[in-house]
Amino acid sequence: MLSPVTAVDTSVSRNSLVHPIAHAGAWLLLLTVGSFAEQPATVSSYRDPVELVRKAVQNEIKAATDDSARFLFRGTKTTPQGSTTRLYVETKEATAGLVIAYNGNPLTPEQRHAEEARVERFIKHPEELKKKREQERAEADRTLRIVRALPDAFLFEYAGEEQGSEGIGRAGETLVKLKFRPNPHYQAPSHVEEVLTGMQGYVLVDAAHYRLASIDGTLFKEVGFGWGILGHLDPGGRFTVQQQELDDNVWEISSMSVNFTGKILLFKSLSISSTETFTGFKRVPSDLTFAQALELLKKEESSVAADKDSRRDGACPVSPAPPMETRPAASLRQN
């Protein structure tokens, strides 16, 4: 799941699944969103927005405990300095990521060798992989704490309806738009949840399936992190996260954008500006090891490079990868 909420914790370092600390928070608000079969009678039956959000949160927490569904996918992050495209594979040990392009250009042989060596260090040095796994688990725990807090930390009110579209929910289906603002009676139990007290915005909810299709949040006041000792985020900071249905009961994050400024250690400037999109999701075996994932990444990278070469030479492109398997009904977790 995604939100800048954990970006305020300077100890965060996502598989980044390999991002800088500040960007890690942007990953976390929707990454644990899953699927749930129960459906309400109608969208209009939700006269209590908080109850709708609470049911969606319950669904997400339930989905987060199921790690049986894993994917290979592509992510392209764009910052003022340019774009980086990575392939990712989720495994039972950690998420493996491999850079395949900078600014849309394939890596040189030297760059590719260095990138593969970077990832292979996790195999050659088990302690590095263990550290990576522990970091990802700690981030997942922080994410769940934020998700659990949402129904209590905010006040929600109905703000209309929108239609799902490409990249947002289920295309053509109605989404409920809710406006949120801080609940003045909410007391954040730790600095992890404290950032919620300065945030307001909108959320789009698939009320027929209890899914979060989009979150758009803005800081309306300065928010400190580390109890005001480590730094703060400036007013006006904004994040947006969108997710879409790929197949029946298969949802994945499709894009996110983060823009924040602030201070770290009260004197060092903090500036975060990035947009990331995620495509090409394909199911992989749930028992895949990190070493196997690395080999899969190399094969996928070679396939992508061959496809680009064939297109550039005017030849017929290689056959696309087979469509993603439909997720079994019992496998409802979104990582």
C-alpha atoms as a PDB file:
ATOM      1  CA  MET A   1       0.000   0.000   0.000  1.00  0.00           C
ATOM      2  CA  LEU A   2       1.005   3.554  -0.480  1.00  0.00           C
ATOM      3  CA  SER A   3       1.331   6.756   1.379  1.00  0.00           C
ATOM      4  CA  PRO A   4       4.025   9.171   2.384  1.00  0.00           C
ATOM      5  CA  VAL A   5       3.238   8.326   5.959  1.00  0.00           C
ATOM      6  CA  THR A   6       6.230   6.054   6.414  1.00  0.00           C
ATOM      7  CA  ALA A   7       8.453   8.406   4.470  1.00  0.00           C
ATOM      8  CA  VAL A   8       8.828  10.295   7.721  1.00  0.00           C
ATOM      9  CA  ASP A   9      10.669   7.358   9.257  1.00  0.00           C
ATOM     10  CA  THR A  10      14.294   7.740   8.184  1.00  0.00           C
ATOM     11  CA  SER A  11      15.028   4.097   8.952  1.00  0.00           C
ATOM     12  CA  VAL A  12      12.824   2.886   6.092  1.00  0.00           C
ATOM     13  CA  SER A  13      14.544   1.314   3.087  1.00  0.00           C
ATOM     14  CA  ARG A  14      12.141  -0.674   0.962  1.00  0.00           C
ATOM     15  CA  ASN A  15      13.350  -3.502  -1.244  1.00  0.00           C
ATOM     16  CA  SER A  16      13.461  -0.731  -3.355  1.00  0.00           C
ATOM     17  CA  LEU A  17      10.509  -2.459  -3.957  1.00  0.00           C
ATOM     18  CA  VAL A  18      15.298  -0.267  -3.665  1.00  0.00           C
ATOM     19  CA  HIS A  19      14.016   3.262  -3.116  1.00  0.00           C
ATOM     20  CA  PRO A  20      15.548   6.052  -1.129  1.00  0.00           C
ATOM     21  CA  ILE A  21      14.042   6.345   2.338  1.00  0.00           C
ATOM     22  CA  ALA A  22      11.617   9.096   1.475  1.00  0.00           C
ATOM     23  CA  HIS A  23      10.241   7.275  -1.553  1.00  0.00           C
ATOM     24  CA  ALA A  24       9.693   4.079   0.425  1.00  0.00           C
ATOM     25  CA  GLY A  25       6.690   5.592   2.158  1.00  0.00           C
ATOM     26  CA  ALA A  26       5.040   6.225  -1.162  1.00  0.00           C
ATOM     27  CA  TRP A  27       5.008   2.490  -1.835  1.00  0.00           C
ATOM     28  CA  LEU A  28       3.302   1.438   1.289  1.00  0.00           C
ATOM     29  CA  LEU A  29      -0.317   2.563   1.494  1.00  0.00           C
ATOM     30  CA  LEU A  30      -1.783   0.218  -1.137  1.00  0.00           C
ATOM     31  CA  LEU A  31       0.745  -2.617  -1.477  1.00  0.00           C
ATOM     32  CA  THR A  32      -1.072  -4.840   0.978  1.00  0.00           C
ATOM     33  CA  VAL A  33      -4.518  -4.304  -0.541  1.00  0.00           C
ATOM     34  CA  GLY A  34      -6.132  -7.640  -1.383  1.00  0.00           C
ATOM     35  CA  SER A  35      -9.399  -9.056  -2.662  1.00  0.00           C
ATOM     36  CA  PHE A  36     -12.546 -10.096  -0.856  1.00  0.00           C
ATOM     37  CA  ALA A  37     -15.571 -11.898  -2.255  1.00  0.00           C
ATOM     38  CA  GLU A  38     -18.282 -10.441  -0.021  1.00  0.00           C
ATOM     39  CA  GLN A  39     -20.407  -7.799  -1.770  1.00  0.00           C
ATOM     40  CA  PRO A  40     -22.971  -5.293  -0.473  1.00  0.00           C
ATOM     41  CA  ALA A  41     -26.398  -5.018  -2.043  1.00  0.00           C
ATOM     42  CA  THR A  42     -25.869  -1.624  -3.684  1.00  0.00           C
ATOM     43  CA  VAL A  43     -23.471   1.291  -3.619  1.00  0.00           C
ATOM     44  CA  SER A  44     -26.218   3.565  -2.326  1.00  0.00           C
ATOM     45  CA  SER A  45     -26.665   1.329   0.714  1.00  0.00           C
ATOM     46  CA  TYR A  46     -23.602   2.981   2.263  1.00  0.00           C
ATOM     47  CA  ARG A  47     -24.970   5.944   4.095  1.00  0.00           C
ATOM     48  CA  ASP A  48     -22.114   5.785   6.590  1.00  0.00           C
ATOM     49  CA  PRO A  49     -18.796   6.533   4.796  1.00  0.00           C
ATOM     50  CA  VAL A  50     -16.760   5.522   7.830  1.00  0.00           C
ATOM     51  CA  GLU A  51     -18.343   2.077   7.804  1.00  0.00           C
ATOM     52  CA  LEU A  52     -17.432   1.672   4.131  1.00  0.00           C
ATOM     53  CA  VAL A  53     -13.821   2.604   4.851  1.00  0.00           C
ATOM     54  CA  ARG A  54     -13.735   0.350   7.897  1.00  0.00           C
ATOM     55  CA  LYS A  55     -14.900  -2.656   5.877  1.00  0.00           C
ATOM     56  CA  ALA A  56     -12.335  -1.885   3.164  1.00  0.00           C
ATOM     57  CA  VAL A  57      -9.603  -1.671   5.786  1.00  0.00           C
ATOM     58  CA  GLN A  58     -10.675  -4.978   7.321  1.00  0.00           C
ATOM     59  CA  ASN A  59     -10.462  -6.477   3.842  1.00  0.00           C
ATOM     60  CA  GLU A  60      -6.988  -5.103   3.259  1.00  0.00           C
ATOM     61  CA  ILE A  61      -5.669  -6.372   6.569  1.00  0.00           C
ATOM     62  CA  LYS A  62      -7.076  -9.815   5.859  1.00  0.00           C
ATOM     63  CA  ALA A  63      -5.466  -9.789   2.417  1.00  0.00           C
ATOM     64  CA  ALA A  64      -2.129  -8.718   3.858  1.00  0.00           C
ATOM     65  CA  THR A  65      -1.855 -11.939   5.840  1.00  0.00           C
ATOM     66  CA  ASP A  66      -2.037 -14.080   2.685  1.00  0.00           C
ATOM     67  CA  ASP A  67       1.311 -14.147   0.880  1.00  0.00           C
ATOM     68  CA  SER A  68       0.492 -16.924  -1.597  1.00  0.00           C
ATOM     69  CA  ALA A  69       0.152 -14.666  -4.661  1.00  0.00           C
ATOM     70  CA  ARG A  70       3.389 -13.292  -6.100  1.00  0.00           C
ATOM     71  CA  PHE A  71       4.126 -11.413  -9.313  1.00  0.00           C
ATOM     72  CA  LEU A  72       6.698 -10.326 -11.827  1.00  0.00           C
ATOM     73  CA  PHE A  73       6.088  -6.757 -12.997  1.00  0.00           C
ATOM     74  CA  ARG A  74       7.715  -3.640 -14.398  1.00  0.00           C
ATOM     75  CA  GLY A  75       8.072  -0.288 -12.657  1.00  0.00           C
ATOM     76  CA  THR A  76       9.171   3.003 -14.201  1.00  0.00           C
ATOM     77  CA  LYS A  77      10.042   5.826 -11.814  1.00  0.00           C
ATOM     78  CA  THR A  78      10.393   9.353 -13.159  1.00  0.00           C
ATOM     79  CA  THR A  79      12.072  12.150 -11.196  1.00  0.00           C
ATOM     80  CA  PRO A  80      13.425  15.573 -12.227  1.00  0.00           C
ATOM     81  CA  GLN A  81      16.711  13.787 -12.971  1.00  0.00           C
ATOM     82  CA  GLY A  82      15.192  11.280 -15.427  1.00  0.00           C
ATOM     83  CA  SER A  83      13.551   7.859 -15.436  1.00  0.00           C
ATOM     84  CA  THR A  84      14.595   4.400 -14.288  1.00  0.00           C
ATOM     85  CA  THR A  85      12.833   1.215 -15.349  1.00  0.00           C
ATOM     86  CA  ARG A  86      13.079  -1.927 -13.250  1.00  0.00           C
ATOM     87  CA  LEU A  87      11.755  -5.449 -13.385  1.00  0.00           C
ATOM     88  CA  TYR A  88      10.607  -6.884 -10.058  1.00  0.00           C
ATOM     89  CA  VAL A  89       9.868 -10.406  -8.859  1.00  0.00           C
ATOM     90  CA  GLU A  90       8.264 -11.086  -5.490  1.00  0.00           C
ATOM     91  CA  THR A  91       9.542 -14.142  -3.616  1.00  0.00           C
ATOM     92  CA  LYS A  92       9.059 -15.786  -0.252  1.00  0.00           C
ATOM     93  CA  GLU A  93      12.435 -14.377   0.829  1.00  0.00           C
ATOM     94  CA  ALA A  94      12.322 -10.790  -0.488  1.00  0.00           C
ATOM     95  CA  THR A  95      11.534  -8.812  -3.627  1.00  0.00           C
ATOM     96  CA  ALA A  96      14.206  -8.924  -6.318  1.00  0.00           C
ATOM     97  CA  GLY A  97      14.586  -5.887  -8.561  1.00  0.00           C
ATOM     98  CA  LEU A  98      16.731  -5.382 -11.658  1.00  0.00           C
ATOM     99  CA  VAL A  99      17.263  -2.096 -13.540  1.00  0.00           C
ATOM    100  CA  ILE A 100      16.734  -2.588 -17.276  1.00  0.00           C
ATOM    101  CA  ALA A 101      16.698   0.959 -18.649  1.00  0.00           C
ATOM    102  CA  TYR A 102      17.617   4.570 -17.921  1.00  0.00           C
ATOM    103  CA  ASN A 103      15.548   7.259 -19.634  1.00  0.00           C
ATOM    104  CA  GLY A 104      14.074   4.562 -21.855  1.00  0.00           C
ATOM    105  CA  ASN A 105      17.481   3.377 -23.091  1.00  0.00           C
ATOM    106  CA  PRO A 106      18.646  -0.211 -22.439  1.00  0.00           C
ATOM    107  CA  LEU A 107      21.683  -0.668 -20.237  1.00  0.00           C
ATOM    108  CA  THR A 108      25.110  -0.914 -21.775  1.00  0.00           C
ATOM    109  CA  PRO A 109      26.885  -4.269 -21.317  1.00  0.00           C
ATOM    110  CA  GLU A 110      28.946  -2.707 -18.537  1.00  0.00           C
ATOM    111  CA  GLN A 111      25.873  -1.316 -16.779  1.00  0.00           C
ATOM    112  CA  ARG A 112      24.056  -4.624 -17.077  1.00  0.00           C
ATOM    113  CA  HIS A 113      27.000  -6.528 -15.593  1.00  0.00           C
ATOM    114  CA  ALA A 114      27.188  -4.129 -12.664  1.00  0.00           C
ATOM    115  CA  GLU A 115      23.438  -4.319 -12.046  1.00  0.00           C
ATOM    116  CA  GLU A 116      23.414  -8.113 -12.043  1.00  0.00           C
ATOM    117  CA  ALA A 117      26.369  -8.134  -9.650  1.00  0.00           C
ATOM    118  CA  ARG A 118      24.476  -5.784  -7.341  1.00  0.00           C
ATOM    119  CA  VAL A 119      21.532  -8.176  -7.079  1.00  0.00           C
ATOM    120  CA  GLU A 120      23.684 -11.311  -6.919  1.00  0.00           C
ATOM    121  CA  ARG A 121      25.313 -10.018  -3.730  1.00  0.00           C
ATOM    122  CA  PHE A 122      22.137 -11.037  -1.895  1.00  0.00           C
ATOM    123  CA  ILE A 123      22.777 -14.621  -2.955  1.00  0.00           C
ATOM    124  CA  LYS A 124      26.503 -14.583  -2.250  1.00  0.00           C
ATOM    125  CA  HIS A 125      26.004 -12.911   1.131  1.00  0.00           C
ATOM    126  CA  PRO A 126      23.018 -14.437   2.966  1.00  0.00           C
ATOM    127  CA  GLU A 127      23.301 -11.861   5.731  1.00  0.00           C
ATOM    128  CA  GLU A 128      22.481  -9.138   3.174  1.00  0.00           C
ATOM    129  CA  LEU A 129      19.364 -11.001   2.060  1.00  0.00           C
ATOM    130  CA  LYS A 130      18.339 -11.528   5.681  1.00  0.00           C
ATOM    131  CA  LYS A 131      18.709  -7.811   6.348  1.00  0.00           C
ATOM    132  CA  LYS A 132      16.662  -6.999   3.263  1.00  0.00           C
ATOM    133  CA  ARG A 133      13.922  -9.417   4.334  1.00  0.00           C
ATOM    134  CA  GLU A 134      13.796  -7.922   7.823  1.00  0.00           C
ATOM    135  CA  GLN A 135      13.521  -4.410   6.379  1.00  0.00           C
ATOM    136  CA  GLU A 136      10.614  -5.426   4.169  1.00  0.00           C
ATOM    137  CA  ARG A 137       8.823  -7.080   7.076  1.00  0.00           C
ATOM    138  CA  ALA A 138       9.327  -4.006   9.258  1.00  0.00           C
ATOM    139  CA  GLU A 139       7.886  -1.803   6.520  1.00  0.00           C
ATOM    140  CA  ALA A 140       4.918  -4.117   6.099  1.00  0.00           C
ATOM    141  CA  ASP A 141       4.274  -3.834   9.831  1.00  0.00           C
ATOM    142  CA  ARG A 142       4.386  -0.033   9.655  1.00  0.00           C
ATOM    143  CA  THR A 143       2.005  -0.151   6.713  1.00  0.00           C
ATOM    144  CA  LEU A 144      -0.537  -2.233   8.608  1.00  0.00           C
ATOM    145  CA  ARG A 145      -0.379   0.195  11.512  1.00  0.00           C
ATOM    146  CA  ILE A 146      -1.263   3.047   9.169  1.00  0.00           C
ATOM    147  CA  VAL A 147      -4.046   1.089   7.482  1.00  0.00           C
ATOM    148  CA  ARG A 148      -5.600   0.113  10.807  1.00  0.00           C
ATOM    149  CA  ALA A 149      -5.605   3.776  11.837  1.00  0.00           C
ATOM    150  CA  LEU A 150      -7.432   5.136   8.774  1.00  0.00           C
ATOM    151  CA  PRO A 151     -11.065   4.726   9.959  1.00  0.00           C
ATOM    152  CA  ASP A 152     -10.278   6.361  13.304  1.00  0.00           C
ATOM    153  CA  ALA A 153      -7.759   8.980  12.172  1.00  0.00           C
ATOM    154  CA  PHE A 154     -10.068  10.614   9.618  1.00  0.00           C
ATOM    155  CA  LEU A 155     -13.582  11.900   9.252  1.00  0.00           C
ATOM    156  CA  PHE A 156     -15.151  10.910   5.936  1.00  0.00           C
ATOM    157  CA  GLU A 157     -18.001  12.441   3.980  1.00  0.00           C
ATOM    158  CA  TYR A 158     -19.673  11.523   0.713  1.00  0.00           C
ATOM    159  CA  ALA A 159     -18.356  13.598  -2.229  1.00  0.00           C
ATOM    160  CA  GLY A 160     -19.994  11.979  -5.266  1.00  0.00           C
ATOM    161  CA  GLU A 161     -19.261   9.086  -7.572  1.00  0.00           C
ATOM    162  CA  GLU A 162     -16.816   8.449 -10.415  1.00  0.00           C
ATOM    163  CA  GLN A 163     -16.440   5.729 -13.000  1.00  0.00           C
ATOM    164  CA  GLY A 164     -13.543   3.334 -12.866  1.00  0.00           C
ATOM    165  CA  SER A 165     -11.132   3.683 -15.776  1.00  0.00           C
ATOM    166  CA  GLU A 166      -7.858   2.287 -17.015  1.00  0.00           C
ATOM    167  CA  GLY A 167      -5.535   2.197 -14.046  1.00  0.00           C
ATOM    168  CA  ILE A 168      -8.234   3.085 -11.516  1.00  0.00           C
ATOM    169  CA  GLY A 169     -10.466   0.349 -10.122  1.00  0.00           C
ATOM    170  CA  ARG A 170     -12.657  -1.686 -12.446  1.00  0.00           C
ATOM    171  CA  ALA A 171     -13.167   0.016 -15.793  1.00  0.00           C
ATOM    172  CA  GLY A 172     -16.738   1.285 -16.141  1.00  0.00           C
ATOM    173  CA  GLU A 173     -17.814   0.422 -12.609  1.00  0.00           C
ATOM    174  CA  THR A 174     -18.979   3.001 -10.098  1.00  0.00           C
ATOM    175  CA  LEU A 175     -16.572   4.194  -7.437  1.00  0.00           C
ATOM    176  CA  VAL A 176     -17.656   6.100  -4.337  1.00  0.00           C
ATOM    177  CA  LYS A 177     -15.713   9.315  -3.750  1.00  0.00           C
ATOM    178  CA  LEU A 178     -15.145  10.237  -0.115  1.00  0.00           C
ATOM    179  CA  LYS A 179     -13.545  13.385   1.226  1.00  0.00           C
ATOM    180  CA  PHE A 180     -11.415  12.901   4.331  1.00  0.00           C
ATOM    181  CA  ARG A 181      -9.957  15.202   6.970  1.00  0.00           C
ATOM    182  CA  PRO A 182      -8.311  14.588  10.356  1.00  0.00           C
ATOM    183  CA  ASN A 183     -10.482  13.458  13.230  1.00  0.00           C
ATOM    184  CA  PRO A 184      -9.808  16.034  15.997  1.00  0.00           C
ATOM    185  CA  HIS A 185     -10.387  13.358  18.648  1.00  0.00           C
ATOM    186  CA  TYR A 186      -7.783  10.972  17.230  1.00  0.00           C
ATOM    187  CA  GLN A 187      -4.616  10.526  19.276  1.00  0.00           C
ATOM    188  CA  ALA A 188      -1.755   9.042  17.267  1.00  0.00           C
ATOM    189  CA  PRO A 189      -0.197   6.180  19.262  1.00  0.00           C
ATOM    190  CA  SER A 190       3.260   6.796  17.714  1.00  0.00           C
ATOM    191  CA  HIS A 191       5.089   8.972  15.202  1.00  0.00           C
ATOM    192  CA  VAL A 192       4.244   6.401  12.508  1.00  0.00           C
ATOM    193  CA  GLU A 193       0.595   7.456  12.603  1.00  0.00           C
ATOM    194  CA  GLU A 194       1.250  11.076  13.550  1.00  0.00           C
ATOM    195  CA  VAL A 195       1.477  12.310   9.953  1.00  0.00           C
ATOM    196  CA  LEU A 196      -2.205  11.447   9.478  1.00  0.00           C
ATOM    197  CA  THR A 197      -3.133  14.347  11.750  1.00  0.00           C
ATOM    198  CA  GLY A 198      -2.017  16.836   9.076  1.00  0.00           C
ATOM    199  CA  MET A 199      -3.482  15.195   5.993  1.00  0.00           C
ATOM    200  CA  GLN A 200      -6.683  15.688   4.014  1.00  0.00           C
ATOM    201  CA  GLY A 201      -7.920  14.668   0.589  1.00  0.00           C
ATOM    202  CA  TYR A 202     -10.065  12.172  -1.299  1.00  0.00           C
ATOM    203  CA  VAL A 203     -10.371   8.426  -1.635  1.00  0.00           C
ATOM    204  CA  LEU A 204     -12.178   6.392  -4.284  1.00  0.00           C
ATOM    205  CA  VAL A 205     -13.702   3.147  -3.018  1.00  0.00           C
ATOM    206  CA  ASP A 206     -15.145   0.228  -4.949  1.00  0.00           C
ATOM    207  CA  ALA A 207     -18.118  -0.262  -2.627  1.00  0.00           C
ATOM    208  CA  ALA A 208     -19.205  -3.439  -4.392  1.00  0.00           C
ATOM    209  CA  HIS A 209     -15.969  -5.236  -3.557  1.00  0.00           C
ATOM    210  CA  TYR A 210     -14.491  -3.175  -0.706  1.00  0.00           C
ATOM    211  CA  ARG A 211     -11.428  -2.031  -2.659  1.00  0.00           C
ATOM    212  CA  LEU A 212      -9.430   1.189  -2.534  1.00  0.00           C
ATOM    213  CA  ALA A 213      -9.066   2.388  -6.121  1.00  0.00           C
ATOM    214  CA  SER A 214      -7.379   5.729  -5.479  1.00  0.00           C
ATOM    215  CA  ILE A 215      -6.082   7.892  -2.645  1.00  0.00           C
ATOM    216  CA  ASP A 216      -5.170  11.564  -3.068  1.00  0.00           C
ATOM    217  CA  GLY A 217      -3.787  13.173   0.079  1.00  0.00           C
ATOM    218  CA  THR A 218      -2.342  16.613   0.818  1.00  0.00           C
ATOM    219  CA  LEU A 219      -0.606  17.960   3.918  1.00  0.00           C
ATOM    220  CA  PHE A 220      -2.432  21.106   4.998  1.00  0.00           C
ATOM    221  CA  LYS A 221      -0.016  21.885   7.837  1.00  0.00           C
ATOM    222  CA  GLU A 222       3.553  21.198   8.837  1.00  0.00           C
ATOM    223  CA  VAL A 223       3.945  17.708  10.268  1.00  0.00           C
ATOM    224  CA  GLY A 224       6.885  16.675  12.400  1.00  0.00           C
ATOM    225  CA  PHE A 225       8.347  13.193  12.472  1.00  0.00           C
ATOM    226  CA  GLY A 226      10.420  11.593  15.179  1.00  0.00           C
ATOM    227  CA  TRP A 227       8.352  13.604  17.674  1.00  0.00           C
ATOM    228  CA  GLY A 228       9.562  16.837  16.081  1.00  0.00           C
ATOM    229  CA  ILE A 229      13.210  16.055  16.780  1.00  0.00           C
ATOM    230  CA  LEU A 230      14.278  14.530  13.460  1.00  0.00           C
ATOM    231  CA  GLY A 231      12.524  16.929  11.104  1.00  0.00           C
ATOM    232  CA  HIS A 232       9.272  17.872   9.441  1.00  0.00           C
ATOM    233  CA  LEU A 233       7.276  17.832   6.197  1.00  0.00           C
ATOM    234  CA  ASP A 234       6.069  21.162   4.796  1.00  0.00           C
ATOM    235  CA  PRO A 235       2.431  22.080   4.107  1.00  0.00           C
ATOM    236  CA  GLY A 236       1.360  21.453   0.507  1.00  0.00           C
ATOM    237  CA  GLY A 237       3.049  18.077   0.165  1.00  0.00           C
ATOM    238  CA  ARG A 238       0.909  15.694  -1.870  1.00  0.00           C
ATOM    239  CA  PHE A 239       0.726  12.041  -2.841  1.00  0.00           C
ATOM    240  CA  THR A 240      -1.598  10.102  -5.138  1.00  0.00           C
ATOM    241  CA  VAL A 241      -1.918   6.348  -5.461  1.00  0.00           C
ATOM    242  CA  GLN A 242      -4.023   4.387  -7.919  1.00  0.00           C
ATOM    243  CA  GLN A 243      -4.686   0.706  -8.323  1.00  0.00           C
ATOM    244  CA  GLN A 244      -6.604  -1.323 -10.857  1.00  0.00           C
ATOM    245  CA  GLU A 245      -8.167  -4.711 -11.349  1.00  0.00           C
ATOM    246  CA  LEU A 246      -6.065  -6.899 -13.612  1.00  0.00           C
ATOM    247  CA  ASP A 247      -8.366  -9.906 -13.596  1.00  0.00           C
ATOM    248  CA  ASP A 248     -11.184 -11.288 -11.503  1.00  0.00           C
ATOM    249  CA  ASN A 249     -10.186 -10.650  -7.871  1.00  0.00           C
ATOM    250  CA  VAL A 250      -6.680  -9.603  -8.944  1.00  0.00           C
ATOM    251  CA  TRP A 251      -5.819  -5.992  -8.104  1.00  0.00           C
ATOM    252  CA  GLU A 252      -2.437  -4.295  -8.252  1.00  0.00           C
ATOM    253  CA  ILE A 253      -1.121  -0.784  -7.813  1.00  0.00           C
ATOM    254  CA  SER A 254      -0.894   0.978 -11.173  1.00  0.00           C
ATOM    255  CA  SER A 255       0.712   4.314 -10.361  1.00  0.00           C
ATOM    256  CA  MET A 256       1.759   6.694  -7.637  1.00  0.00           C
ATOM    257  CA  SER A 257       3.057  10.223  -7.394  1.00  0.00           C
ATOM    258  CA  VAL A 258       4.836  11.839  -4.438  1.00  0.00           C
ATOM    259  CA  ASN A 259       5.815  15.477  -3.945  1.00  0.00           C
ATOM    260  CA  PHE A 260       7.096  16.661  -0.550  1.00  0.00           C
ATOM    261  CA  THR A 261       9.548  19.140   0.882  1.00  0.00           C
ATOM    262  CA  GLY A 262      10.761  19.517   4.440  1.00  0.00           C
ATOM    263  CA  LYS A 263      13.739  19.203   6.746  1.00  0.00           C
ATOM    264  CA  ILE A 264      15.721  16.284   8.130  1.00  0.00           C
ATOM    265  CA  LEU A 265      17.525  16.706  11.465  1.00  0.00           C
ATOM    266  CA  LEU A 266      16.025  20.218  11.471  1.00  0.00           C
ATOM    267  CA  PHE A 267      18.597  21.662   9.051  1.00  0.00           C
ATOM    268  CA  LYS A 268      19.056  19.386   6.024  1.00  0.00           C
ATOM    269  CA  SER A 269      16.562  20.062   3.233  1.00  0.00           C
ATOM    270  CA  LEU A 270      14.317  17.232   2.092  1.00  0.00           C
ATOM    271  CA  SER A 271      12.819  17.251  -1.413  1.00  0.00           C
ATOM    272  CA  ILE A 272      10.877  14.328  -2.856  1.00  0.00           C
ATOM    273  CA  SER A 273       9.376  14.405  -6.336  1.00  0.00           C
ATOM    274  CA  SER A 274       8.644  11.244  -8.279  1.00  0.00           C
ATOM    275  CA  THR A 275       6.007   9.478 -10.312  1.00  0.00           C
ATOM    276  CA  GLU A 276       5.996   5.709 -10.684  1.00  0.00           C
ATOM    277  CA  THR A 277       3.908   3.455 -12.912  1.00  0.00           C
ATOM    278  CA  PHE A 278       3.587  -0.337 -12.756  1.00  0.00           C
ATOM    279  CA  THR A 279       2.693  -2.604 -15.667  1.00  0.00           C
ATOM    280  CA  GLY A 280       3.153  -6.070 -17.121  1.00  0.00           C
ATOM    281  CA  PHE A 281       2.013  -8.094 -14.097  1.00  0.00           C
ATOM    282  CA  LYS A 282       2.508 -11.860 -14.462  1.00  0.00           C
ATOM    283  CA  ARG A 283       1.906 -14.492 -11.824  1.00  0.00           C
ATOM    284  CA  VAL A 284       4.966 -16.425 -10.599  1.00  0.00           C
ATOM    285  CA  PRO A 285       5.156 -19.529  -8.364  1.00  0.00           C
ATOM    286  CA  SER A 286       4.505 -18.713  -4.719  1.00  0.00           C
ATOM    287  CA  ASP A 287       7.508 -20.805  -3.588  1.00  0.00           C
ATOM    288  CA  LEU A 288      10.005 -19.036  -5.865  1.00  0.00           C
ATOM    289  CA  THR A 289      13.377 -18.456  -4.186  1.00  0.00           C
ATOM    290  CA  PHE A 290      15.399 -15.271  -4.500  1.00  0.00           C
ATOM    291  CA  ALA A 291      18.027 -17.067  -6.608  1.00  0.00           C
ATOM    292  CA  GLN A 292      15.342 -18.387  -8.953  1.00  0.00           C
ATOM    293  CA  ALA A 293      13.832 -14.913  -9.168  1.00  0.00           C
ATOM    294  CA  LEU A 294      17.163 -13.477 -10.255  1.00  0.00           C
ATOM    295  CA  GLU A 295      17.402 -15.997 -13.083  1.00  0.00           C
ATOM    296  CA  LEU A 296      13.829 -15.161 -14.073  1.00  0.00           C
ATOM    297  CA  LEU A 297      14.687 -11.455 -14.102  1.00  0.00           C
ATOM    298  CA  LYS A 298      17.663 -12.080 -16.384  1.00  0.00           C
ATOM    299  CA  LYS A 299      15.527 -14.078 -18.816  1.00  0.00           C
ATOM    300  CA  GLU A 300      12.804 -11.454 -18.788  1.00  0.00           C
ATOM    301  CA  GLU A 301      15.341  -8.676 -19.354  1.00  0.00           C
ATOM    302  CA  SER A 302      16.818 -10.588 -22.300  1.00  0.00           C
ATOM    303  CA  SER A 303      13.325 -11.106 -23.730  1.00  0.00           C
ATOM    304  CA  VAL A 304      12.567  -7.397 -23.445  1.00  0.00           C
ATOM    305  CA  ALA A 305      15.875  -6.489 -25.126  1.00  0.00           C
ATOM    306  CA  ALA A 306      15.272  -8.996 -27.954  1.00  0.00           C
ATOM    307  CA  ASP A 307      11.787  -7.626 -28.491  1.00  0.00           C
ATOM    308  CA  LYS A 308      13.114  -4.069 -28.782  1.00  0.00           C
ATOM    309  CA  ASP A 309      15.832  -5.186 -31.196  1.00  0.00           C
ATOM    310  CA  SER A 310      13.325  -6.981 -33.419  1.00  0.00           C
ATOM    311  CA  ARG A 311      11.053  -3.964 -33.491  1.00  0.00           C
ATOM    312  CA  ARG A 312      13.962  -1.661 -34.297  1.00  0.00           C
ATOM    313  CA  ASP A 313      15.092  -3.952 -37.127  1.00  0.00           C
ATOM    314  CA  GLY A 314      11.593  -4.169 -38.526  1.00  0.00           C
ATOM    315  CA  ALA A 315      11.234  -7.877 -37.820  1.00  0.00           C
ATOM    316  CA  CYS A 316       8.197  -9.488 -36.268  1.00  0.00           C
ATOM    317  CA  PRO A 317       8.260  -9.024 -32.509  1.00  0.00           C
ATOM    318  CA  VAL A 318       8.739 -11.997 -30.275  1.00  0.00           C
ATOM    319  CA  SER A 319       5.593 -13.606 -28.969  1.00  0.00           C
ATOM    320  CA  PRO A 320       4.234 -11.883 -25.889  1.00  0.00           C
ATOM    321  CA  ALA A 321       4.282 -13.618 -22.568  1.00  0.00           C
ATOM    322  CA  PRO A 322       1.231 -15.784 -21.890  1.00  0.00           C
ATOM    323  CA  PRO A 323      -1.610 -14.083 -20.052  1.00  0.00           C
ATOM    324  CA  MET A 324      -1.480 -14.068 -16.289  1.00  0.00           C
ATOM    325  CA  GLU A 325      -3.152 -16.994 -14.628  1.00  0.00           C
ATOM    326  CA  THR A 326      -6.469 -16.288 -12.996  1.00  0.00           C
ATOM    327  CA  ARG A 327      -5.940 -16.145  -9.279  1.00  0.00           C
ATOM    328  CA  PRO A 328      -7.579 -19.010  -7.368  1.00  0.00           C
ATOM    329  CA  ALA A 329     -10.439 -17.959  -5.143  1.00  0.00           C
ATOM    330  CA  ALA A 330      -8.473 -18.869  -2.044  1.00  0.00           C
ATOM    331  CA  SER A 331      -5.487 -16.796  -3.096  1.00  0.00           C
ATOM    332  CA  LEU A 332      -6.529 -13.231  -2.392  1.00  0.00           C
ATOM    333  CA  ARG A 333      -3.433 -11.445  -1.278  1.00  0.00           C
ATOM    334  CA  GLN A 334      -1.970  -8.414  -3.065  1.00  0.00           C
ATOM    335  CA  ASN A 335       1.640  -7.716  -2.200  1.00  0.00           C
END
